[in-house]
Structures are given as C-alpha cells and as structure tokens.
Amino acid sequence: MNETIRELLTRIGGLPVAVTELEDGADLYAAGLSSFASVQLMLGLEEAFDIEFPDSLLNRKSFASIAAIEQTVSHILKAREAA
C-alpha cells in the first residue's frame, strides 16, 4: 500500500521534492501538496484501491502524510470488509 501511495504522489502530487526523500510521517502540505493535488490524489487512491472516501474523511488530516493516507485507506478497506 505504501508503495502505491508513493507512486500516486510521484505521478499526481506535483511535489517540488522527491517522494522517495519523504518520511512516512512528513507533512505533505509543508512539502508542497496543494489542495487541488490532494483532490487528484484522492481520486487516484479511489481508483487504485477500488474504494470511495466518505465525506467524513475528506479533510486535510486524512492527506497530511503518507502514514495518514495509509491509515485512512486501511480504515476504509476494513469498514468495507466489516459491512
């Protein structure tokens, strides 16, 4: 999952730094992630993991770092399995 998130960030994120240089907990917004890019990233994640982000998780915190994205996607996948 981490690798897929990093690939999407590299392709869609438009970050001025190499994604490979970012720690999992690094603040993506401080690294240059824009609001527009975060929406594009969300769409890419939905396609890659065959999920849909609920409105309750459409916030800056969910996309703050690679670790946060991984946690959010895992939460959505677990909720889908439980349903």
PDB file of N, CA and C in Angstrom:
ATOM      1  N   MET A   1       0.829  -1.195   0.000  1.00  0.00           N
ATOM      2  CA  MET A   1       0.000   0.000   0.000  1.00  0.00           C
ATOM      3  C   MET A   1       0.871   1.256   0.000  1.00  0.00           C
ATOM      4  N   ASN A   2       1.899   1.241   0.822  1.00  0.00           N
ATOM      5  CA  ASN A   2       2.788   2.394   0.914  1.00  0.00           C
ATOM      6  C   ASN A   2       3.405   2.709  -0.447  1.00  0.00           C
ATOM      7  N   GLU A   3       3.816   1.677  -1.150  1.00  0.00           N
ATOM      8  CA  GLU A   3       4.433   1.858  -2.456  1.00  0.00           C
ATOM      9  C   GLU A   3       3.447   2.473  -3.457  1.00  0.00           C
ATOM     10  N   THR A   4       2.207   2.012  -3.427  1.00  0.00           N
ATOM     11  CA  THR A   4       1.180   2.548  -4.321  1.00  0.00           C
ATOM     12  C   THR A   4       0.908   4.015  -4.021  1.00  0.00           C
ATOM     13  N   ILE A   5       0.829   4.345  -2.729  1.00  0.00           N
ATOM     14  CA  ILE A   5       0.602   5.741  -2.330  1.00  0.00           C
ATOM     15  C   ILE A   5       1.759   6.619  -2.808  1.00  0.00           C
ATOM     16  N   ARG A   6       2.972   6.144  -2.633  1.00  0.00           N
ATOM     17  CA  ARG A   6       4.151   6.904  -3.071  1.00  0.00           C
ATOM     18  C   ARG A   6       4.166   7.072  -4.595  1.00  0.00           C
ATOM     19  N   GLU A   7       3.781   6.032  -5.326  1.00  0.00           N
ATOM     20  CA  GLU A   7       3.733   6.123  -6.785  1.00  0.00           C
ATOM     21  C   GLU A   7       2.703   7.173  -7.219  1.00  0.00           C
ATOM     22  N   LEU A   8       1.532   7.153  -6.564  1.00  0.00           N
ATOM     23  CA  LEU A   8       0.499   8.138  -6.890  1.00  0.00           C
ATOM     24  C   LEU A   8       0.970   9.551  -6.558  1.00  0.00           C
ATOM     25  N   LEU A   9       1.610   9.710  -5.423  1.00  0.00           N
ATOM     26  CA  LEU A   9       2.133  11.031  -5.042  1.00  0.00           C
ATOM     27  C   LEU A   9       3.157  11.526  -6.058  1.00  0.00           C
ATOM     28  N   THR A  10       3.994  10.622  -6.523  1.00  0.00           N
ATOM     29  CA  THR A  10       5.004  10.990  -7.505  1.00  0.00           C
ATOM     30  C   THR A  10       4.335  11.434  -8.803  1.00  0.00           C
ATOM     31  N   ARG A  11       3.328  10.692  -9.231  1.00  0.00           N
ATOM     32  CA  ARG A  11       2.655  10.953 -10.503  1.00  0.00           C
ATOM     33  C   ARG A  11       1.686  12.132 -10.444  1.00  0.00           C
ATOM     34  N   ILE A  12       0.969  12.270  -9.319  1.00  0.00           N
ATOM     35  CA  ILE A  12      -0.127  13.234  -9.222  1.00  0.00           C
ATOM     36  C   ILE A  12       0.172  14.413  -8.300  1.00  0.00           C
ATOM     37  N   GLY A  13       0.990  14.179  -7.277  1.00  0.00           N
ATOM     38  CA  GLY A  13       1.168  15.156  -6.199  1.00  0.00           C
ATOM     39  C   GLY A  13       1.786  16.480  -6.585  1.00  0.00           C
ATOM     40  N   GLY A  14       2.615  16.479  -7.635  1.00  0.00           N
ATOM     41  CA  GLY A  14       3.255  17.725  -8.052  1.00  0.00           C
ATOM     42  C   GLY A  14       4.160  18.330  -6.991  1.00  0.00           C
ATOM     43  N   LEU A  15       4.753  17.486  -6.164  1.00  0.00           N
ATOM     44  CA  LEU A  15       5.614  17.990  -5.097  1.00  0.00           C
ATOM     45  C   LEU A  15       6.958  18.448  -5.655  1.00  0.00           C
ATOM     46  N   PRO A  16       7.493  19.535  -5.103  1.00  0.00           N
ATOM     47  CA  PRO A  16       8.788  20.023  -5.566  1.00  0.00           C
ATOM     48  C   PRO A  16       9.963  19.210  -5.020  1.00  0.00           C
ATOM     49  N   VAL A  17       9.679  18.238  -4.157  1.00  0.00           N
ATOM     50  CA  VAL A  17      10.712  17.358  -3.609  1.00  0.00           C
ATOM     51  C   VAL A  17      10.414  15.931  -4.063  1.00  0.00           C
ATOM     52  N   ALA A  18      11.440  15.113  -4.098  1.00  0.00           N
ATOM     53  CA  ALA A  18      11.252  13.709  -4.479  1.00  0.00           C
ATOM     54  C   ALA A  18      10.499  12.977  -3.372  1.00  0.00           C
ATOM     55  N   VAL A  19       9.488  12.244  -3.764  1.00  0.00           N
ATOM     56  CA  VAL A  19       8.691  11.498  -2.789  1.00  0.00           C
ATOM     57  C   VAL A  19       9.564  10.486  -2.056  1.00  0.00           C
ATOM     58  N   THR A  20      10.579   9.970  -2.717  1.00  0.00           N
ATOM     59  CA  THR A  20      11.479   8.993  -2.102  1.00  0.00           C
ATOM     60  C   THR A  20      12.245   9.594  -0.921  1.00  0.00           C
ATOM     61  N   GLU A  21      12.356  10.911  -0.891  1.00  0.00           N
ATOM     62  CA  GLU A  21      13.068  11.579   0.201  1.00  0.00           C
ATOM     63  C   GLU A  21      12.188  11.867   1.409  1.00  0.00           C
ATOM     64  N   LEU A  22      10.890  11.649   1.273  1.00  0.00           N
ATOM     65  CA  LEU A  22       9.957  11.963   2.359  1.00  0.00           C
ATOM     66  C   LEU A  22       9.774  10.777   3.298  1.00  0.00           C
ATOM     67  N   GLU A  23       9.814  11.061   4.583  1.00  0.00           N
ATOM     68  CA  GLU A  23       9.484  10.056   5.588  1.00  0.00           C
ATOM     69  C   GLU A  23       7.975   9.829   5.545  1.00  0.00           C
ATOM     70  N   ASP A  24       7.530   8.674   6.032  1.00  0.00           N
ATOM     71  CA  ASP A  24       6.091   8.387   6.029  1.00  0.00           C
ATOM     72  C   ASP A  24       5.291   9.418   6.809  1.00  0.00           C
ATOM     73  N   GLY A  25       5.873   9.986   7.848  1.00  0.00           N
ATOM     74  CA  GLY A  25       5.168  10.947   8.688  1.00  0.00           C
ATOM     75  C   GLY A  25       5.361  12.405   8.292  1.00  0.00           C
ATOM     76  N   ALA A  26       6.100  12.655   7.207  1.00  0.00           N
ATOM     77  CA  ALA A  26       6.373  14.037   6.784  1.00  0.00           C
ATOM     78  C   ALA A  26       5.082  14.728   6.356  1.00  0.00           C
ATOM     79  N   ASP A  27       4.962  16.006   6.690  1.00  0.00           N
ATOM     80  CA  ASP A  27       3.794  16.811   6.338  1.00  0.00           C
ATOM     81  C   ASP A  27       3.807  17.081   4.838  1.00  0.00           C
ATOM     82  N   LEU A  28       2.858  16.491   4.130  1.00  0.00           N
ATOM     83  CA  LEU A  28       2.809  16.635   2.669  1.00  0.00           C
ATOM     84  C   LEU A  28       2.454  18.050   2.242  1.00  0.00           C
ATOM     85  N   TYR A  29       1.649  18.730   3.041  1.00  0.00           N
ATOM     86  CA  TYR A  29       1.294  20.114   2.688  1.00  0.00           C
ATOM     87  C   TYR A  29       2.510  21.025   2.833  1.00  0.00           C
ATOM     88  N   ALA A  30       3.318  20.782   3.853  1.00  0.00           N
ATOM     89  CA  ALA A  30       4.557  21.552   4.022  1.00  0.00           C
ATOM     90  C   ALA A  30       5.541  21.233   2.894  1.00  0.00           C
ATOM     91  N   ALA A  31       5.438  20.013   2.359  1.00  0.00           N
ATOM     92  CA  ALA A  31       6.317  19.602   1.263  1.00  0.00           C
ATOM     93  C   ALA A  31       5.828  20.129  -0.088  1.00  0.00           C
ATOM     94  N   GLY A  32       4.648  20.766  -0.104  1.00  0.00           N
ATOM     95  CA  GLY A  32       4.178  21.385  -1.333  1.00  0.00           C
ATOM     96  C   GLY A  32       2.901  20.820  -1.935  1.00  0.00           C
ATOM     97  N   LEU A  33       2.227  19.908  -1.247  1.00  0.00           N
ATOM     98  CA  LEU A  33       0.971  19.358  -1.766  1.00  0.00           C
ATOM     99  C   LEU A  33      -0.112  20.436  -1.732  1.00  0.00           C
ATOM    100  N   SER A  34      -0.717  20.692  -2.882  1.00  0.00           N
ATOM    101  CA  SER A  34      -1.774  21.706  -2.954  1.00  0.00           C
ATOM    102  C   SER A  34      -3.131  21.060  -2.717  1.00  0.00           C
ATOM    103  N   SER A  35      -4.129  21.883  -2.467  1.00  0.00           N
ATOM    104  CA  SER A  35      -5.493  21.376  -2.291  1.00  0.00           C
ATOM    105  C   SER A  35      -5.970  20.671  -3.554  1.00  0.00           C
ATOM    106  N   PHE A  36      -5.658  21.253  -4.720  1.00  0.00           N
ATOM    107  CA  PHE A  36      -6.051  20.637  -5.985  1.00  0.00           C
ATOM    108  C   PHE A  36      -5.385  19.269  -6.134  1.00  0.00           C
ATOM    109  N   ALA A  37      -4.096  19.187  -5.828  1.00  0.00           N
ATOM    110  CA  ALA A  37      -3.370  17.918  -5.944  1.00  0.00           C
ATOM    111  C   ALA A  37      -3.912  16.887  -4.962  1.00  0.00           C
ATOM    112  N   SER A  38      -4.348  17.329  -3.784  1.00  0.00           N
ATOM    113  CA  SER A  38      -4.897  16.374  -2.812  1.00  0.00           C
ATOM    114  C   SER A  38      -6.197  15.766  -3.324  1.00  0.00           C
ATOM    115  N   VAL A  39      -6.996  16.543  -4.055  1.00  0.00           N
ATOM    116  CA  VAL A  39      -8.230  16.017  -4.658  1.00  0.00           C
ATOM    117  C   VAL A  39      -7.873  15.008  -5.748  1.00  0.00           C
ATOM    118  N   GLN A  40      -6.891  15.346  -6.573  1.00  0.00           N
ATOM    119  CA  GLN A  40      -6.446  14.423  -7.619  1.00  0.00           C
ATOM    120  C   GLN A  40      -5.882  13.136  -7.004  1.00  0.00           C
ATOM    121  N   LEU A  41      -5.158  13.295  -5.906  1.00  0.00           N
ATOM    122  CA  LEU A  41      -4.616  12.140  -5.194  1.00  0.00           C
ATOM    123  C   LEU A  41      -5.742  11.264  -4.654  1.00  0.00           C
ATOM    124  N   MET A  42      -6.766  11.891  -4.089  1.00  0.00           N
ATOM    125  CA  MET A  42      -7.912  11.137  -3.575  1.00  0.00           C
ATOM    126  C   MET A  42      -8.545  10.312  -4.699  1.00  0.00           C
ATOM    127  N   LEU A  43      -8.732  10.919  -5.858  1.00  0.00           N
ATOM    128  CA  LEU A  43      -9.322  10.205  -6.993  1.00  0.00           C
ATOM    129  C   LEU A  43      -8.430   9.045  -7.433  1.00  0.00           C
ATOM    130  N   GLY A  44      -7.140   9.266  -7.426  1.00  0.00           N
ATOM    131  CA  GLY A  44      -6.193   8.200  -7.774  1.00  0.00           C
ATOM    132  C   GLY A  44      -6.230   7.052  -6.773  1.00  0.00           C
ATOM    133  N   LEU A  45      -6.342   7.394  -5.494  1.00  0.00           N
ATOM    134  CA  LEU A  45      -6.434   6.381  -4.447  1.00  0.00           C
ATOM    135  C   LEU A  45      -7.722   5.575  -4.576  1.00  0.00           C
ATOM    136  N   GLU A  46      -8.812   6.269  -4.872  1.00  0.00           N
ATOM    137  CA  GLU A  46     -10.093   5.573  -5.040  1.00  0.00           C
ATOM    138  C   GLU A  46     -10.000   4.557  -6.173  1.00  0.00           C
ATOM    139  N   GLU A  47      -9.367   4.944  -7.250  1.00  0.00           N
ATOM    140  CA  GLU A  47      -9.227   4.030  -8.388  1.00  0.00           C
ATOM    141  C   GLU A  47      -8.269   2.886  -8.064  1.00  0.00           C
ATOM    142  N   ALA A  48      -7.132   3.201  -7.474  1.00  0.00           N
ATOM    143  CA  ALA A  48      -6.107   2.187  -7.188  1.00  0.00           C
ATOM    144  C   ALA A  48      -6.581   1.131  -6.194  1.00  0.00           C
ATOM    145  N   PHE A  49      -7.350   1.558  -5.203  1.00  0.00           N
ATOM    146  CA  PHE A  49      -7.771   0.631  -4.144  1.00  0.00           C
ATOM    147  C   PHE A  49      -9.246   0.244  -4.244  1.00  0.00           C
ATOM    148  N   ASP A  50      -9.924   0.713  -5.290  1.00  0.00           N
ATOM    149  CA  ASP A  50     -11.342   0.423  -5.502  1.00  0.00           C
ATOM    150  C   ASP A  50     -12.164   0.766  -4.251  1.00  0.00           C
ATOM    151  N   ILE A  51     -12.000   2.004  -3.809  1.00  0.00           N
ATOM    152  CA  ILE A  51     -12.693   2.495  -2.615  1.00  0.00           C
ATOM    153  C   ILE A  51     -13.364   3.819  -2.936  1.00  0.00           C
ATOM    154  N   GLU A  52     -14.162   4.290  -1.975  1.00  0.00           N
ATOM    155  CA  GLU A  52     -14.745   5.625  -2.066  1.00  0.00           C
ATOM    156  C   GLU A  52     -14.562   6.298  -0.714  1.00  0.00           C
ATOM    157  N   PHE A  53     -13.989   7.486  -0.732  1.00  0.00           N
ATOM    158  CA  PHE A  53     -13.785   8.221   0.510  1.00  0.00           C
ATOM    159  C   PHE A  53     -15.121   8.774   0.992  1.00  0.00           C
ATOM    160  N   PRO A  54     -15.515   8.425   2.232  1.00  0.00           N
ATOM    161  CA  PRO A  54     -16.744   9.022   2.768  1.00  0.00           C
ATOM    162  C   PRO A  54     -16.486  10.499   3.100  1.00  0.00           C
ATOM    163  N   ASP A  55     -17.549  11.277   3.101  1.00  0.00           N
ATOM    164  CA  ASP A  55     -17.418  12.713   3.392  1.00  0.00           C
ATOM    165  C   ASP A  55     -16.676  12.982   4.694  1.00  0.00           C
ATOM    166  N   SER A  56     -16.864  12.114   5.683  1.00  0.00           N
ATOM    167  CA  SER A  56     -16.243  12.319   6.996  1.00  0.00           C
ATOM    168  C   SER A  56     -14.715  12.253   6.944  1.00  0.00           C
ATOM    169  N   LEU A  57     -14.160  11.647   5.888  1.00  0.00           N
ATOM    170  CA  LEU A  57     -12.705  11.537   5.770  1.00  0.00           C
ATOM    171  C   LEU A  57     -12.113  12.474   4.718  1.00  0.00           C
ATOM    172  N   LEU A  58     -12.949  13.319   4.151  1.00  0.00           N
ATOM    173  CA  LEU A  58     -12.467  14.285   3.168  1.00  0.00           C
ATOM    174  C   LEU A  58     -12.004  15.549   3.889  1.00  0.00           C
ATOM    175  N   ASN A  59     -10.829  15.451   4.483  1.00  0.00           N
ATOM    176  CA  ASN A  59     -10.276  16.577   5.218  1.00  0.00           C
ATOM    177  C   ASN A  59      -8.754  16.576   5.104  1.00  0.00           C
ATOM    178  N   ARG A  60      -8.187  17.661   5.486  1.00  0.00           N
ATOM    179  CA  ARG A  60      -6.729  17.842   5.390  1.00  0.00           C
ATOM    180  C   ARG A  60      -5.970  16.788   6.195  1.00  0.00           C
ATOM    181  N   LYS A  61      -6.513  16.402   7.328  1.00  0.00           N
ATOM    182  CA  LYS A  61      -5.852  15.433   8.204  1.00  0.00           C
ATOM    183  C   LYS A  61      -5.667  14.080   7.508  1.00  0.00           C
ATOM    184  N   SER A  62      -6.648  13.677   6.706  1.00  0.00           N
ATOM    185  CA  SER A  62      -6.583  12.381   6.023  1.00  0.00           C
ATOM    186  C   SER A  62      -5.445  12.308   5.008  1.00  0.00           C
ATOM    187  N   PHE A  63      -4.997  13.465   4.517  1.00  0.00           N
ATOM    188  CA  PHE A  63      -3.969  13.520   3.484  1.00  0.00           C
ATOM    189  C   PHE A  63      -2.703  14.235   3.959  1.00  0.00           C
ATOM    190  N   ALA A  64      -2.552  14.365   5.271  1.00  0.00           N
ATOM    191  CA  ALA A  64      -1.449  15.141   5.837  1.00  0.00           C
ATOM    192  C   ALA A  64      -0.082  14.499   5.622  1.00  0.00           C
ATOM    193  N   SER A  65      -0.032  13.184   5.545  1.00  0.00           N
ATOM    194  CA  SER A  65       1.234  12.480   5.384  1.00  0.00           C
ATOM    195  C   SER A  65       0.973  11.140   4.703  1.00  0.00           C
ATOM    196  N   ILE A  66       2.024  10.504   4.290  1.00  0.00           N
ATOM    197  CA  ILE A  66       1.884   9.181   3.688  1.00  0.00           C
ATOM    198  C   ILE A  66       1.300   8.223   4.719  1.00  0.00           C
ATOM    199  N   ALA A  67       1.751   8.320   5.955  1.00  0.00           N
ATOM    200  CA  ALA A  67       1.229   7.461   7.025  1.00  0.00           C
ATOM    201  C   ALA A  67      -0.263   7.717   7.248  1.00  0.00           C
ATOM    202  N   ALA A  68      -0.680   8.979   7.206  1.00  0.00           N
ATOM    203  CA  ALA A  68      -2.098   9.320   7.400  1.00  0.00           C
ATOM    204  C   ALA A  68      -2.947   8.766   6.257  1.00  0.00           C
ATOM    205  N   ILE A  69      -2.427   8.868   5.032  1.00  0.00           N
ATOM    206  CA  ILE A  69      -3.156   8.335   3.882  1.00  0.00           C
ATOM    207  C   ILE A  69      -3.292   6.821   4.016  1.00  0.00           C
ATOM    208  N   GLU A  70      -2.213   6.176   4.387  1.00  0.00           N
ATOM    209  CA  GLU A  70      -2.230   4.720   4.557  1.00  0.00           C
ATOM    210  C   GLU A  70      -3.243   4.312   5.626  1.00  0.00           C
ATOM    211  N   GLN A  71      -3.266   5.036   6.728  1.00  0.00           N
ATOM    212  CA  GLN A  71      -4.211   4.757   7.805  1.00  0.00           C
ATOM    213  C   GLN A  71      -5.653   4.980   7.331  1.00  0.00           C
ATOM    214  N   THR A  72      -5.887   6.040   6.594  1.00  0.00           N
ATOM    215  CA  THR A  72      -7.227   6.353   6.095  1.00  0.00           C
ATOM    216  C   THR A  72      -7.710   5.285   5.123  1.00  0.00           C
ATOM    217  N   VAL A  73      -6.852   4.906   4.179  1.00  0.00           N
ATOM    218  CA  VAL A  73      -7.229   3.875   3.201  1.00  0.00           C
ATOM    219  C   VAL A  73      -7.482   2.550   3.921  1.00  0.00           C
ATOM    220  N   SER A  74      -6.635   2.203   4.883  1.00  0.00           N
ATOM    221  CA  SER A  74      -6.835   0.962   5.652  1.00  0.00           C
ATOM    222  C   SER A  74      -8.166   0.983   6.383  1.00  0.00           C
ATOM    223  N   HIS A  75      -8.509   2.134   6.949  1.00  0.00           N
ATOM    224  CA  HIS A  75      -9.778   2.290   7.663  1.00  0.00           C
ATOM    225  C   HIS A  75     -10.957   2.045   6.718  1.00  0.00           C
ATOM    226  N   ILE A  76     -10.894   2.611   5.529  1.00  0.00           N
ATOM    227  CA  ILE A  76     -11.971   2.445   4.546  1.00  0.00           C
ATOM    228  C   ILE A  76     -12.080   0.979   4.121  1.00  0.00           C
ATOM    229  N   LEU A  77     -10.934   0.340   3.873  1.00  0.00           N
ATOM    230  CA  LEU A  77     -10.945  -1.063   3.462  1.00  0.00           C
ATOM    231  C   LEU A  77     -11.498  -1.975   4.564  1.00  0.00           C
ATOM    232  N   LYS A  78     -11.114  -1.709   5.806  1.00  0.00           N
ATOM    233  CA  LYS A  78     -11.618  -2.510   6.938  1.00  0.00           C
ATOM    234  C   LYS A  78     -13.127  -2.310   7.123  1.00  0.00           C
ATOM    235  N   ALA A  79     -13.580  -1.084   6.970  1.00  0.00           N
ATOM    236  CA  ALA A  79     -15.018  -0.798   7.099  1.00  0.00           C
ATOM    237  C   ALA A  79     -15.795  -1.519   6.007  1.00  0.00           C
ATOM    238  N   ARG A  80     -15.241  -1.590   4.823  1.00  0.00           N
ATOM    239  CA  ARG A  80     -15.898  -2.285   3.712  1.00  0.00           C
ATOM    240  C   ARG A  80     -15.970  -3.791   3.985  1.00  0.00           C
ATOM    241  N   GLU A  81     -14.902  -4.353   4.543  1.00  0.00           N
ATOM    242  CA  GLU A  81     -14.876  -5.779   4.873  1.00  0.00           C
ATOM    243  C   GLU A  81     -15.887  -6.115   5.949  1.00  0.00           C
ATOM    244  N   ALA A  82     -16.065  -5.195   6.885  1.00  0.00           N
ATOM    245  CA  ALA A  82     -16.998  -5.430   8.013  1.00  0.00           C
ATOM    246  C   ALA A  82     -18.443  -5.325   7.565  1.00  0.00           C
ATOM    247  N   ALA A  83     -18.689  -4.629   6.474  1.00  0.00           N
ATOM    248  CA  ALA A  83     -20.081  -4.410   6.012  1.00  0.00           C
ATOM    249  C   ALA A  83     -20.680  -5.649   5.384  1.00  0.00           C
TER     250      ALA A  83
END
